[in-house]
Amino acid sequence: MLANAVEILRVDRRGRNRRDQVRRIWTALLLLPVAAQAEEIRIEISRGKPSAQLAAPAGRVEQNGKPLAVAARRHELLAHAGSLRVDGKAIEGGAPVVFHPGPSPLRLDGKTLPGRIEVWADARGLVVVNALDLEEYVAAVVASEVPAGWPDAALQAQAVAARTFAVAQKIAQGPAARAHLGSSVLDQVYAGAAHPASSALRAARATAGEVLTFGSAPIAAYFSASCGGKGETAEDAFNVPAGSTPYLVSQRDDADESRAWTVRRSLVDLSLALRKAGRVLAPVTGIDVSARTASGRARTLHLETAAGERTLTGVELRQILGYTALPSLAFDVSVERGVAVFRGRGNGHGVGLCQWGARARAVRGESYRAILAHYYPGADIRKMY
């Protein structure tokens, strides 16, 4: 009913789009404290696979709210020419097929998932969305993002950040979205376990309904593994408009100053990677950092090639080489005997909560509220339900 009410407001009598107004209304409604109503989140857990196996014992199956006649306890899902087949039967209409759990949870390709599964197909393959209770999702994210044995305060800080990030994305995507988030590190890691570690469950329950807000809206609660001793601004990391995220600042973090790393990549391999990406075609003979952000991270790189000088952003280089291969942009680089040697610190973009820093702060006795106040200065913790 709430989704329908908001959807009606999308277009006024003259047909003009009113997304900003809708977003404000949706934010206010979503943040109303409603104790009796669970909040749902929709996570895209797979896209593009040609097939999948789904175990759904005793669960009902629907399409457009109507029962779908599929009798098997285990289902073969297949994408064929942009259409979905379930157990060999072509599904008409293109609307998602919804699998509800029975007495036991659903299992997708052997992985147990809470909530229900919605499946459809597009030209690239299957699209699978897991719709579940927000608090179950938060516990699963905490279990996926940080070790179960970390101090409770660190897990609780992660729970609030994860919940806030999810709620903000849900608002941004709108009530009619088929999915609000992905399940990878590009959003926040969701491994999907129906039975997360007890410490993750405790963290979710201890902070149930709590979100970080600035003004009346949930903040962009970014987090990364390690800031390497100094945080990054959202403006520099993500090119968001200046002043739009005043709670995401570049500041020293004395709780996370020792995560140094060294990566060596031959100039031959570096040249091949850049050529494959279509970014720099000539062989690279030299590389150095030509400009830095206020936090000291590499903004742009100067490349010497057989065809002359080239410029590459740090973000591009990390995307091309891989986020694991080049852990962060807080590095210096030099060429030694035909090898580019990157010496850096930290892991991830460094914006917002630093997970290893949060752990260190929890070990020395800081509460999750104090941890969040450090990493999101100016933001308030508000109970959503």
Protein backbone atom coordinates (compact mmCIF):
# COMPACT_ATOMS: atom_id res chain seq x y z
CA MET A 1 0.00 0.00 0.00
CA LEU A 2 2.88 2.39 0.85
CA ALA A 3 4.60 1.62 -2.47
CA ASN A 4 1.38 2.31 -4.37
CA ALA A 5 0.87 5.62 -2.58
CA VAL A 6 4.37 6.77 -3.44
CA GLU A 7 4.08 5.60 -7.03
CA ILE A 8 0.95 7.69 -7.53
CA LEU A 9 2.98 10.78 -6.61
CA ARG A 10 5.64 10.15 -9.27
CA VAL A 11 3.86 12.12 -11.98
CA ASP A 12 1.71 15.19 -11.46
CA ARG A 13 -1.28 16.17 -13.58
CA ARG A 14 0.99 17.70 -16.21
CA GLY A 15 3.05 14.53 -16.47
CA ARG A 16 6.21 16.01 -14.96
CA ASN A 17 8.56 13.73 -13.06
CA ARG A 18 8.68 14.50 -9.32
CA ARG A 19 11.43 12.16 -8.13
CA ASP A 20 12.90 14.58 -5.60
CA GLN A 21 9.55 15.06 -3.91
CA VAL A 22 8.89 11.32 -3.97
CA ARG A 23 12.30 10.58 -2.45
CA ARG A 24 11.65 13.01 0.41
CA ILE A 25 8.23 11.48 1.11
CA TRP A 26 9.56 7.93 0.83
CA THR A 27 12.42 8.77 3.20
CA ALA A 28 10.08 10.24 5.79
CA LEU A 29 7.69 7.31 5.59
CA LEU A 30 10.45 4.71 5.72
CA LEU A 31 11.99 6.30 8.79
CA LEU A 32 8.76 6.44 10.75
CA PRO A 33 9.19 4.22 13.83
CA VAL A 34 6.89 1.27 13.16
CA ALA A 35 7.54 -1.36 15.80
CA ALA A 36 5.24 -4.04 14.47
CA GLN A 37 6.29 -4.02 10.83
CA ALA A 38 9.42 -5.72 9.51
CA GLU A 39 11.40 -3.92 6.83
CA GLU A 40 12.29 -5.85 3.66
CA ILE A 41 15.37 -5.50 1.47
CA ARG A 42 15.91 -6.98 -2.00
CA ILE A 43 19.39 -8.18 -2.97
CA GLU A 44 20.44 -9.15 -6.48
CA ILE A 45 22.60 -12.19 -5.82
CA SER A 46 23.16 -13.40 -9.37
CA ARG A 47 22.95 -12.05 -12.91
CA GLY A 48 23.94 -13.59 -16.22
CA LYS A 49 24.26 -17.26 -15.29
CA PRO A 50 22.65 -19.62 -17.84
CA SER A 51 21.22 -21.99 -15.25
CA ALA A 52 20.79 -22.66 -11.52
CA GLN A 53 19.41 -25.29 -9.16
CA LEU A 54 16.89 -24.31 -6.50
CA ALA A 55 15.75 -26.56 -3.67
CA ALA A 56 12.35 -25.42 -2.38
CA PRO A 57 10.79 -28.25 -0.33
CA ALA A 58 7.12 -27.62 0.51
CA GLY A 59 7.33 -23.95 -0.47
CA ARG A 60 4.76 -22.29 -2.71
CA VAL A 61 5.62 -20.85 -6.13
CA GLU A 62 3.89 -17.81 -7.63
CA GLN A 63 3.93 -15.44 -10.57
CA ASN A 64 2.04 -12.15 -10.41
CA GLY A 65 0.53 -13.28 -7.12
CA LYS A 66 -1.00 -16.41 -8.64
CA PRO A 67 0.08 -20.00 -7.91
CA LEU A 68 2.37 -21.55 -10.50
CA ALA A 69 2.00 -25.27 -11.16
CA VAL A 70 5.48 -26.67 -10.47
CA ALA A 71 5.44 -29.83 -8.41
CA ALA A 72 9.10 -30.70 -7.94
CA ARG A 73 10.95 -30.11 -4.66
CA ARG A 74 14.09 -29.23 -6.61
CA HIS A 75 13.85 -26.90 -9.58
CA GLU A 76 16.06 -26.43 -12.60
CA LEU A 77 16.13 -22.78 -13.64
CA LEU A 78 17.24 -22.05 -17.18
CA ALA A 79 17.58 -18.87 -19.24
CA HIS A 80 16.78 -19.48 -22.90
CA ALA A 81 16.71 -16.69 -25.48
CA GLY A 82 15.82 -14.11 -22.85
CA SER A 83 13.03 -16.21 -21.33
CA LEU A 84 12.86 -18.26 -18.14
CA ARG A 85 12.28 -22.00 -18.04
CA VAL A 86 11.47 -23.79 -14.78
CA ASP A 87 11.87 -27.56 -14.87
CA GLY A 88 11.81 -27.39 -18.65
CA LYS A 89 8.58 -25.40 -18.79
CA ALA A 90 8.63 -22.01 -20.51
CA ILE A 91 7.36 -19.23 -18.23
CA GLU A 92 5.25 -16.68 -20.06
CA GLY A 93 4.92 -12.97 -19.42
CA GLY A 94 8.40 -12.08 -18.20
CA ALA A 95 7.28 -11.35 -14.63
CA PRO A 96 9.48 -12.80 -11.88
CA VAL A 97 8.73 -16.27 -10.56
CA VAL A 98 8.64 -16.14 -6.77
CA PHE A 99 9.74 -19.10 -4.65
CA HIS A 100 8.65 -18.95 -1.01
CA PRO A 101 10.33 -21.04 1.69
CA GLY A 102 8.48 -23.87 3.36
CA PRO A 103 9.38 -25.21 6.81
CA SER A 104 13.06 -25.09 5.80
CA PRO A 105 14.95 -22.32 3.95
CA LEU A 106 15.51 -22.23 0.21
CA ARG A 107 18.82 -23.44 -1.23
CA LEU A 108 20.24 -21.94 -4.41
CA ASP A 109 23.07 -23.95 -5.98
CA GLY A 110 23.72 -25.49 -2.57
CA LYS A 111 23.72 -22.18 -0.65
CA THR A 112 21.07 -21.74 2.04
CA LEU A 113 19.27 -18.41 1.85
CA PRO A 114 16.78 -16.69 4.15
CA GLY A 115 13.56 -15.20 2.78
CA ARG A 116 12.21 -15.79 -0.70
CA ILE A 117 13.81 -16.00 -4.14
CA GLU A 118 12.58 -14.15 -7.24
CA VAL A 119 13.87 -15.22 -10.65
CA TRP A 120 13.49 -13.93 -14.19
CA ALA A 121 15.61 -13.93 -17.34
CA ASP A 122 16.99 -11.28 -19.63
CA ALA A 123 19.15 -11.40 -22.73
CA ARG A 124 22.29 -12.15 -20.65
CA GLY A 125 20.87 -14.97 -18.52
CA LEU A 126 19.16 -15.50 -15.17
CA VAL A 127 18.55 -12.68 -12.71
CA VAL A 128 18.10 -13.88 -9.12
CA VAL A 129 16.94 -11.64 -6.27
CA ASN A 130 16.79 -12.61 -2.60
CA ALA A 131 14.04 -10.70 -0.74
CA LEU A 132 14.44 -10.93 3.02
CA ASP A 133 13.94 -9.18 6.32
CA LEU A 134 16.34 -6.25 6.74
CA GLU A 135 17.61 -7.47 10.11
CA GLU A 136 18.39 -10.93 8.69
CA TYR A 137 20.27 -9.18 5.91
CA VAL A 138 22.23 -7.00 8.36
CA ALA A 139 23.32 -10.04 10.37
CA ALA A 140 24.42 -11.80 7.17
CA VAL A 141 26.40 -8.75 6.01
CA VAL A 142 28.15 -8.47 9.38
CA ALA A 143 29.03 -12.17 9.16
CA SER A 144 30.30 -11.69 5.59
CA GLU A 145 32.25 -8.47 6.17
CA VAL A 146 34.09 -8.99 9.48
CA PRO A 147 35.40 -11.99 11.47
CA ALA A 148 33.01 -13.46 14.04
CA GLY A 149 35.63 -13.27 16.80
CA TRP A 150 36.03 -9.49 16.68
CA PRO A 151 34.84 -7.42 19.70
CA ASP A 152 31.10 -6.81 19.96
CA ALA A 153 31.44 -3.03 19.56
CA ALA A 154 33.18 -3.43 16.18
CA LEU A 155 30.44 -5.79 14.96
CA GLN A 156 27.73 -3.46 16.25
CA ALA A 157 29.30 -0.48 14.44
CA GLN A 158 29.40 -2.59 11.27
CA ALA A 159 25.74 -3.56 11.75
CA VAL A 160 24.60 0.07 11.97
CA ALA A 161 26.71 1.05 8.94
CA ALA A 162 25.42 -1.90 6.90
CA ARG A 163 21.79 -1.20 7.83
CA THR A 164 22.19 2.49 6.99
CA PHE A 165 23.80 1.75 3.64
CA ALA A 166 20.98 -0.66 2.78
CA VAL A 167 18.20 1.74 3.77
CA ALA A 168 19.82 4.61 1.83
CA GLN A 169 20.08 2.41 -1.27
CA LYS A 170 16.47 1.28 -0.88
CA ILE A 171 15.34 4.90 -0.80
CA ALA A 172 17.55 5.80 -3.77
CA GLN A 173 16.23 2.90 -5.88
CA GLY A 174 12.60 3.63 -5.04
CA PRO A 175 9.72 1.42 -3.88
CA ALA A 176 9.15 -0.20 -7.27
CA ALA A 177 12.73 -1.43 -7.72
CA ARG A 178 13.17 -5.14 -8.36
CA ALA A 179 16.43 -5.00 -6.39
CA HIS A 180 17.98 -2.44 -4.06
CA LEU A 181 21.55 -3.75 -3.79
CA GLY A 182 24.00 -6.25 -5.21
CA SER A 183 25.81 -8.82 -3.10
CA SER A 184 29.45 -8.06 -3.92
CA VAL A 185 32.10 -5.75 -2.52
CA LEU A 186 30.82 -3.08 -4.93
CA ASP A 187 27.87 -2.63 -2.54
CA GLN A 188 28.45 -4.64 0.63
CA VAL A 189 29.31 -8.31 0.81
CA TYR A 190 26.32 -10.57 1.35
CA ALA A 191 27.15 -14.27 1.37
CA GLY A 192 23.54 -15.12 2.11
CA ALA A 193 23.81 -17.59 4.98
CA ALA A 194 20.43 -18.34 6.56
CA HIS A 195 22.20 -19.02 9.87
CA PRO A 196 24.92 -16.39 10.41
CA ALA A 197 27.37 -16.54 13.31
CA SER A 198 25.89 -15.87 16.73
CA SER A 199 28.10 -12.80 17.20
CA ALA A 200 26.72 -11.28 13.99
CA LEU A 201 23.18 -11.98 15.14
CA ARG A 202 23.92 -10.35 18.51
CA ALA A 203 25.27 -7.26 16.76
CA ALA A 204 22.18 -6.94 14.57
CA ARG A 205 19.81 -7.46 17.49
CA ALA A 206 21.67 -5.08 19.81
CA THR A 207 21.34 -2.28 17.23
CA ALA A 208 18.02 -3.34 15.65
CA GLY A 209 16.43 -0.55 13.64
CA GLU A 210 19.27 1.92 14.17
CA VAL A 211 20.47 3.98 11.20
CA LEU A 212 22.86 6.90 10.81
CA THR A 213 21.19 10.09 9.62
CA PHE A 214 22.24 13.59 8.65
CA GLY A 215 19.29 15.93 8.77
CA SER A 216 16.29 13.73 8.10
CA ALA A 217 17.84 11.23 5.70
CA PRO A 218 20.03 8.13 6.07
CA ILE A 219 23.64 8.89 5.23
CA ALA A 220 25.82 7.25 2.61
CA ALA A 221 27.48 4.97 5.16
CA TYR A 222 30.48 3.82 3.14
CA PHE A 223 33.04 1.58 4.77
CA SER A 224 36.21 -0.24 3.80
CA ALA A 225 38.61 -2.73 5.33
CA SER A 226 41.44 -0.34 6.20
CA CYS A 227 42.05 3.37 5.68
CA GLY A 228 45.79 2.97 6.26
CA GLY A 229 45.96 5.71 8.87
CA LYS A 230 43.95 8.42 7.09
CA GLY A 231 40.42 8.47 5.72
CA GLU A 232 39.34 9.70 2.29
CA THR A 233 36.50 12.06 1.39
CA ALA A 234 33.58 10.87 -0.71
CA GLU A 235 34.22 13.78 -3.09
CA ASP A 236 37.69 12.49 -3.92
CA ALA A 237 36.81 8.79 -3.91
CA PHE A 238 33.48 8.84 -5.76
CA ASN A 239 33.23 12.29 -7.38
CA VAL A 240 30.06 13.16 -5.46
CA PRO A 241 29.10 16.87 -5.42
CA ALA A 242 31.15 18.99 -3.03
CA GLY A 243 29.43 19.40 0.33
CA SER A 244 26.90 16.62 -0.23
CA THR A 245 28.51 14.28 2.33
CA PRO A 246 29.89 16.52 5.11
CA TYR A 247 30.06 13.53 7.48
CA LEU A 248 32.62 11.74 5.27
CA VAL A 249 35.88 13.53 5.94
CA SER A 250 39.59 12.97 5.53
CA GLN A 251 41.06 12.64 9.00
CA ARG A 252 43.87 10.80 10.73
CA ASP A 253 43.02 7.40 12.19
CA ASP A 254 45.51 6.39 14.88
CA ALA A 255 43.71 3.05 15.24
CA ASP A 256 44.76 1.85 11.76
CA GLU A 257 48.25 3.01 10.89
CA SER A 258 50.22 -0.18 10.30
CA ARG A 259 48.68 -1.93 7.28
CA ALA A 260 51.54 -1.60 4.80
CA TRP A 261 51.82 -3.62 1.60
CA THR A 262 54.04 -3.93 -1.46
CA VAL A 263 52.90 -5.01 -4.92
CA ARG A 264 55.29 -5.70 -7.80
CA ARG A 265 54.05 -5.77 -11.39
CA SER A 266 56.38 -6.06 -14.36
CA LEU A 267 56.04 -3.30 -16.93
CA VAL A 268 55.30 -5.98 -19.50
CA ASP A 269 52.33 -7.27 -17.47
CA LEU A 270 51.20 -3.71 -16.72
CA SER A 271 51.32 -2.87 -20.43
CA LEU A 272 49.31 -5.97 -21.31
CA ALA A 273 46.62 -5.12 -18.74
CA LEU A 274 46.30 -1.54 -19.96
CA ARG A 275 46.20 -2.64 -23.60
CA LYS A 276 43.55 -5.27 -22.88
CA ALA A 277 41.43 -2.59 -21.21
CA GLY A 278 41.86 -0.40 -24.29
CA ARG A 279 43.26 2.39 -22.15
CA VAL A 280 46.96 2.59 -23.13
CA LEU A 281 48.05 0.73 -26.26
CA ALA A 282 51.79 1.36 -26.34
CA PRO A 283 54.25 -0.43 -24.02
CA VAL A 284 54.74 1.34 -20.68
CA THR A 285 58.32 2.26 -19.82
CA GLY A 286 57.77 4.38 -16.68
CA ILE A 287 55.10 5.29 -14.11
CA ASP A 288 54.79 7.74 -11.22
CA VAL A 289 52.08 9.55 -9.26
CA SER A 290 51.45 13.00 -10.77
CA ALA A 291 48.66 14.26 -8.46
CA ARG A 292 47.23 13.28 -5.10
CA THR A 293 44.01 13.84 -3.17
CA ALA A 294 44.02 15.73 0.12
CA SER A 295 44.48 12.43 1.99
CA GLY A 296 47.57 11.58 -0.07
CA ARG A 297 46.00 8.96 -2.32
CA ALA A 298 46.95 8.73 -5.99
CA ARG A 299 44.56 10.85 -8.03
CA THR A 300 46.38 10.66 -11.37
CA LEU A 301 49.37 8.76 -12.71
CA HIS A 302 51.89 9.83 -15.31
CA LEU A 303 52.89 7.07 -17.72
CA GLU A 304 55.86 7.06 -20.06
CA THR A 305 55.23 4.86 -23.09
CA ALA A 306 56.90 4.03 -26.38
CA ALA A 307 54.37 6.38 -28.03
CA GLY A 308 54.81 9.29 -25.61
CA GLU A 309 53.37 10.39 -22.29
CA ARG A 310 49.95 9.32 -21.07
CA THR A 311 47.78 10.10 -18.03
CA LEU A 312 45.66 7.62 -16.09
CA THR A 313 43.55 8.13 -12.98
CA GLY A 314 44.31 6.08 -9.91
CA VAL A 315 40.75 4.78 -9.87
CA GLU A 316 41.12 3.51 -13.46
CA LEU A 317 44.39 1.74 -12.68
CA ARG A 318 42.89 -0.03 -9.67
CA GLN A 319 39.86 -1.09 -11.69
CA ILE A 320 42.05 -2.44 -14.48
CA LEU A 321 44.53 -4.30 -12.28
CA GLY A 322 41.88 -5.50 -9.82
CA TYR A 323 40.88 -4.36 -6.35
CA THR A 324 42.73 -7.26 -4.74
CA ALA A 325 45.84 -6.86 -6.87
CA LEU A 326 46.14 -3.17 -5.91
CA PRO A 327 44.66 -2.93 -2.40
CA SER A 328 44.27 0.86 -2.22
CA LEU A 329 45.28 4.16 -3.81
CA ALA A 330 47.40 5.21 -0.83
CA PHE A 331 50.68 4.30 -2.52
CA ASP A 332 53.97 5.46 -4.00
CA VAL A 333 55.23 3.80 -7.17
CA SER A 334 58.67 3.53 -8.73
CA VAL A 335 60.25 1.46 -11.49
CA GLU A 336 63.01 -0.94 -10.49
CA ARG A 337 64.67 -3.10 -13.16
CA GLY A 338 61.61 -3.23 -15.38
CA VAL A 339 59.16 -3.74 -12.51
CA ALA A 340 56.61 -1.25 -11.21
CA VAL A 341 56.84 -1.40 -7.41
CA PHE A 342 53.80 -0.07 -5.52
CA ARG A 343 54.37 0.56 -1.81
CA GLY A 344 51.21 1.47 0.02
CA ARG A 345 48.97 1.14 3.02
CA GLY A 346 45.33 0.34 3.70
CA ASN A 347 42.80 -1.77 1.86
CA GLY A 348 39.82 -0.30 0.03
CA HIS A 349 38.68 3.23 -0.77
CA GLY A 350 39.16 4.49 2.80
CA VAL A 351 35.83 6.37 3.01
CA GLY A 352 33.76 6.21 6.20
CA LEU A 353 34.09 3.34 8.65
CA CYS A 354 37.46 1.61 8.72
CA GLN A 355 36.84 -1.99 9.77
CA TRP A 356 40.31 -2.67 11.18
CA GLY A 357 40.28 0.71 12.87
CA ALA A 358 36.89 -0.07 14.38
CA ARG A 359 38.31 -3.32 15.74
CA ALA A 360 41.26 -1.53 17.35
CA ARG A 361 38.96 1.08 18.88
CA ALA A 362 36.69 -1.65 20.27
CA VAL A 363 39.69 -3.46 21.76
CA ARG A 364 40.70 -0.32 23.61
CA GLY A 365 37.20 0.03 25.02
CA GLU A 366 35.28 2.38 22.73
CA SER A 367 31.54 1.74 22.31
CA TYR A 368 29.98 1.26 18.89
CA ARG A 369 28.43 4.72 19.19
CA ALA A 370 31.84 6.28 19.83
CA ILE A 371 33.30 4.36 16.88
CA LEU A 372 30.55 5.58 14.57
CA ALA A 373 30.93 9.15 15.84
CA HIS A 374 34.60 9.07 14.83
CA TYR A 375 34.07 7.70 11.33
CA TYR A 376 30.87 9.65 10.52
CA PRO A 377 31.31 12.98 12.39
CA GLY A 378 28.12 15.02 12.54
CA ALA A 379 25.81 12.08 11.83
CA ASP A 380 23.16 11.02 14.35
CA ILE A 381 22.01 7.51 15.25
CA ARG A 382 18.25 7.24 14.84
CA LYS A 383 16.03 4.26 15.60
CA MET A 384 13.98 3.48 12.50
CA TYR A 385 11.75 0.91 14.23
